[in-house]
Amino acid sequence: MNIFRLNNDALWEGIRDWSLKAGRSAARPVLLMWYVMRSDKTPRKDKLAIFGSLAYLILPIDLLDAHRLPVVGWLDEAVSLAVLIRKMSKYITPETQAKAEAQLDKWFPEYTKYEIVE
């Protein structure tokens, strides 16, 4: 378990760097999964699944190369994250959402919420 903690630090740095490039909207589901993974209420096997999916998202290794296949190359990561969120949605709590939003506010302080006027 000690190795798992060390990798969490490297994963967090990768998530931060990836998020700052990708933007607030793309970073939100990634942060939700990060905080679900860090929760004591999430079972270990699910934590490992989240860890693997997030690592795949931020690592430079791809099954489908985004440089050769621009649209298709991003699909494997998007599908991986979408499937992960669907499977782990039972662990997303208001507390998890609040933590993710607080972190997004730190990374993207210039963000303002817009209202749709009908």
C-alpha atoms as a PDB file:
ATOM      1  CA  MET A   1       0.000   0.000   0.000  1.00  0.00           C
ATOM      2  CA  ASN A   2       2.952   2.338   0.538  1.00  0.00           C
ATOM      3  CA  ILE A   3       3.825   2.281  -3.175  1.00  0.00           C
ATOM      4  CA  PHE A   4       0.199   3.139  -3.954  1.00  0.00           C
ATOM      5  CA  ARG A   5       0.486   6.319  -1.854  1.00  0.00           C
ATOM      6  CA  LEU A   6       3.693   7.398  -3.567  1.00  0.00           C
ATOM      7  CA  ASN A   7       2.050   6.989  -6.948  1.00  0.00           C
ATOM      8  CA  ASN A   8      -0.876   9.099  -5.759  1.00  0.00           C
ATOM      9  CA  ASP A   9       1.475  12.079  -5.486  1.00  0.00           C
ATOM     10  CA  ALA A  10       2.746  11.593  -9.038  1.00  0.00           C
ATOM     11  CA  LEU A  11      -0.801  11.024 -10.273  1.00  0.00           C
ATOM     12  CA  TRP A  12      -1.985  14.230  -8.587  1.00  0.00           C
ATOM     13  CA  GLU A  13       0.769  16.240 -10.283  1.00  0.00           C
ATOM     14  CA  GLY A  14      -0.167  14.715 -13.632  1.00  0.00           C
ATOM     15  CA  ILE A  15      -3.850  15.465 -13.073  1.00  0.00           C
ATOM     16  CA  ARG A  16      -3.026  19.058 -12.169  1.00  0.00           C
ATOM     17  CA  ASP A  17      -0.878  19.566 -15.267  1.00  0.00           C
ATOM     18  CA  TRP A  18      -3.404  17.848 -17.529  1.00  0.00           C
ATOM     19  CA  SER A  19      -6.311  19.820 -16.033  1.00  0.00           C
ATOM     20  CA  LEU A  20      -4.637  23.187 -16.474  1.00  0.00           C
ATOM     21  CA  LYS A  21      -4.177  22.381 -20.164  1.00  0.00           C
ATOM     22  CA  ALA A  22      -7.597  20.798 -20.686  1.00  0.00           C
ATOM     23  CA  GLY A  23      -9.677  23.416 -18.874  1.00  0.00           C
ATOM     24  CA  ARG A  24     -12.247  23.530 -16.118  1.00  0.00           C
ATOM     25  CA  SER A  25     -15.006  21.544 -17.841  1.00  0.00           C
ATOM     26  CA  ALA A  26     -12.721  18.643 -18.762  1.00  0.00           C
ATOM     27  CA  ALA A  27     -11.068  18.657 -15.339  1.00  0.00           C
ATOM     28  CA  ARG A  28     -14.292  18.375 -13.334  1.00  0.00           C
ATOM     29  CA  PRO A  29     -15.015  14.660 -13.929  1.00  0.00           C
ATOM     30  CA  VAL A  30     -11.346  13.839 -13.439  1.00  0.00           C
ATOM     31  CA  LEU A  31     -11.322  15.598 -10.072  1.00  0.00           C
ATOM     32  CA  LEU A  32     -14.558  13.907  -9.062  1.00  0.00           C
ATOM     33  CA  MET A  33     -12.932  10.539  -9.702  1.00  0.00           C
ATOM     34  CA  TRP A  34      -9.793  11.628  -7.835  1.00  0.00           C
ATOM     35  CA  TYR A  35     -11.784  12.485  -4.727  1.00  0.00           C
ATOM     36  CA  VAL A  36     -13.871   9.301  -5.016  1.00  0.00           C
ATOM     37  CA  MET A  37     -10.603   7.348  -5.169  1.00  0.00           C
ATOM     38  CA  ARG A  38      -9.293   9.136  -2.073  1.00  0.00           C
ATOM     39  CA  SER A  39     -12.468   8.468  -0.063  1.00  0.00           C
ATOM     40  CA  ASP A  40     -12.376   5.924   2.737  1.00  0.00           C
ATOM     41  CA  LYS A  41     -15.830   4.748   1.644  1.00  0.00           C
ATOM     42  CA  THR A  42     -14.612   3.559  -1.773  1.00  0.00           C
ATOM     43  CA  PRO A  43     -13.575  -0.135  -1.855  1.00  0.00           C
ATOM     44  CA  ARG A  44      -9.961  -0.905  -2.734  1.00  0.00           C
ATOM     45  CA  LYS A  45     -10.794  -2.661  -6.019  1.00  0.00           C
ATOM     46  CA  ASP A  46     -12.717   0.402  -7.191  1.00  0.00           C
ATOM     47  CA  LYS A  47      -9.863   2.670  -6.094  1.00  0.00           C
ATOM     48  CA  LEU A  48      -7.503   0.623  -8.245  1.00  0.00           C
ATOM     49  CA  ALA A  49      -9.863   0.887 -11.231  1.00  0.00           C
ATOM     50  CA  ILE A  50     -10.037   4.671 -10.816  1.00  0.00           C
ATOM     51  CA  PHE A  51      -6.281   4.913 -10.393  1.00  0.00           C
ATOM     52  CA  GLY A  52      -5.694   2.941 -13.586  1.00  0.00           C
ATOM     53  CA  SER A  53      -8.155   4.979 -15.604  1.00  0.00           C
ATOM     54  CA  LEU A  54      -6.798   8.320 -14.393  1.00  0.00           C
ATOM     55  CA  ALA A  55      -3.218   7.181 -15.003  1.00  0.00           C
ATOM     56  CA  TYR A  56      -4.165   6.133 -18.550  1.00  0.00           C
ATOM     57  CA  LEU A  57      -5.704   9.567 -19.110  1.00  0.00           C
ATOM     58  CA  ILE A  58      -2.620  11.535 -18.106  1.00  0.00           C
ATOM     59  CA  LEU A  59       0.198   9.229 -19.221  1.00  0.00           C
ATOM     60  CA  PRO A  60       1.712   9.845 -22.654  1.00  0.00           C
ATOM     61  CA  ILE A  61       1.039   6.214 -23.658  1.00  0.00           C
ATOM     62  CA  ASP A  62      -2.093   5.601 -25.749  1.00  0.00           C
ATOM     63  CA  LEU A  63      -3.757   2.588 -27.303  1.00  0.00           C
ATOM     64  CA  LEU A  64      -5.001   4.864 -30.070  1.00  0.00           C
ATOM     65  CA  ASP A  65      -2.506   7.580 -30.970  1.00  0.00           C
ATOM     66  CA  ALA A  66      -4.097  11.042 -30.883  1.00  0.00           C
ATOM     67  CA  HIS A  67      -1.450  12.420 -33.261  1.00  0.00           C
ATOM     68  CA  ARG A  68      -2.162   9.874 -35.996  1.00  0.00           C
ATOM     69  CA  LEU A  69      -5.903   9.640 -35.451  1.00  0.00           C
ATOM     70  CA  PRO A  70      -6.906  13.026 -33.996  1.00  0.00           C
ATOM     71  CA  VAL A  71     -10.575  12.360 -33.219  1.00  0.00           C
ATOM     72  CA  VAL A  72     -10.371   8.628 -32.610  1.00  0.00           C
ATOM     73  CA  GLY A  73      -7.220   9.063 -30.527  1.00  0.00           C
ATOM     74  CA  TRP A  74      -9.132  11.022 -27.892  1.00  0.00           C
ATOM     75  CA  LEU A  75     -12.085   8.645 -27.871  1.00  0.00           C
ATOM     76  CA  ASP A  76     -10.372   5.895 -25.902  1.00  0.00           C
ATOM     77  CA  GLU A  77      -9.663   8.287 -23.045  1.00  0.00           C
ATOM     78  CA  ALA A  78     -13.119   9.851 -23.176  1.00  0.00           C
ATOM     79  CA  VAL A  79     -14.837   6.455 -23.219  1.00  0.00           C
ATOM     80  CA  SER A  80     -12.614   5.196 -20.413  1.00  0.00           C
ATOM     81  CA  LEU A  81     -13.516   8.181 -18.239  1.00  0.00           C
ATOM     82  CA  ALA A  82     -17.234   7.986 -19.132  1.00  0.00           C
ATOM     83  CA  VAL A  83     -17.424   4.294 -18.242  1.00  0.00           C
ATOM     84  CA  LEU A  84     -15.526   4.940 -15.033  1.00  0.00           C
ATOM     85  CA  ILE A  85     -17.863   7.732 -13.952  1.00  0.00           C
ATOM     86  CA  ARG A  86     -20.912   5.618 -14.726  1.00  0.00           C
ATOM     87  CA  LYS A  87     -19.586   2.723 -12.636  1.00  0.00           C
ATOM     88  CA  MET A  88     -18.383   4.909  -9.774  1.00  0.00           C
ATOM     89  CA  SER A  89     -21.295   7.371  -9.663  1.00  0.00           C
ATOM     90  CA  LYS A  90     -22.667   5.635  -6.561  1.00  0.00           C
ATOM     91  CA  TYR A  91     -19.653   6.988  -4.650  1.00  0.00           C
ATOM     92  CA  ILE A  92     -20.071  10.617  -5.766  1.00  0.00           C
ATOM     93  CA  THR A  93     -21.428  12.552  -2.782  1.00  0.00           C
ATOM     94  CA  PRO A  94     -22.166  16.237  -2.231  1.00  0.00           C
ATOM     95  CA  GLU A  95     -18.922  16.351  -0.230  1.00  0.00           C
ATOM     96  CA  THR A  96     -16.975  14.909  -3.176  1.00  0.00           C
ATOM     97  CA  GLN A  97     -18.556  17.430  -5.516  1.00  0.00           C
ATOM     98  CA  ALA A  98     -17.736  20.297  -3.148  1.00  0.00           C
ATOM     99  CA  LYS A  99     -14.087  19.232  -2.952  1.00  0.00           C
ATOM    100  CA  ALA A 100     -13.842  19.047  -6.737  1.00  0.00           C
ATOM    101  CA  GLU A 101     -15.457  22.474  -7.155  1.00  0.00           C
ATOM    102  CA  ALA A 102     -13.167  24.010  -4.520  1.00  0.00           C
ATOM    103  CA  GLN A 103     -10.108  22.659  -6.333  1.00  0.00           C
ATOM    104  CA  LEU A 104     -11.419  23.913  -9.667  1.00  0.00           C
ATOM    105  CA  ASP A 105     -11.910  27.365  -8.127  1.00  0.00           C
ATOM    106  CA  LYS A 106      -8.240  27.334  -7.047  1.00  0.00           C
ATOM    107  CA  TRP A 107      -6.997  26.279 -10.470  1.00  0.00           C
ATOM    108  CA  PHE A 108      -9.383  28.471 -12.464  1.00  0.00           C
ATOM    109  CA  PRO A 109     -10.079  31.581 -10.337  1.00  0.00           C
ATOM    110  CA  GLU A 110     -11.226  33.605 -13.345  1.00  0.00           C
ATOM    111  CA  TYR A 111     -14.206  31.298 -13.903  1.00  0.00           C
ATOM    112  CA  THR A 112     -17.619  32.882 -13.609  1.00  0.00           C
ATOM    113  CA  LYS A 113     -20.928  31.068 -13.682  1.00  0.00           C
ATOM    114  CA  TYR A 114     -23.217  32.107 -16.482  1.00  0.00           C
ATOM    115  CA  GLU A 115     -26.964  31.979 -16.360  1.00  0.00           C
ATOM    116  CA  ILE A 116     -29.114  31.046 -19.311  1.00  0.00           C
ATOM    117  CA  VAL A 117     -31.662  33.772 -19.932  1.00  0.00           C
ATOM    118  CA  GLU A 118     -34.842  32.524 -21.532  1.00  0.00           C
END
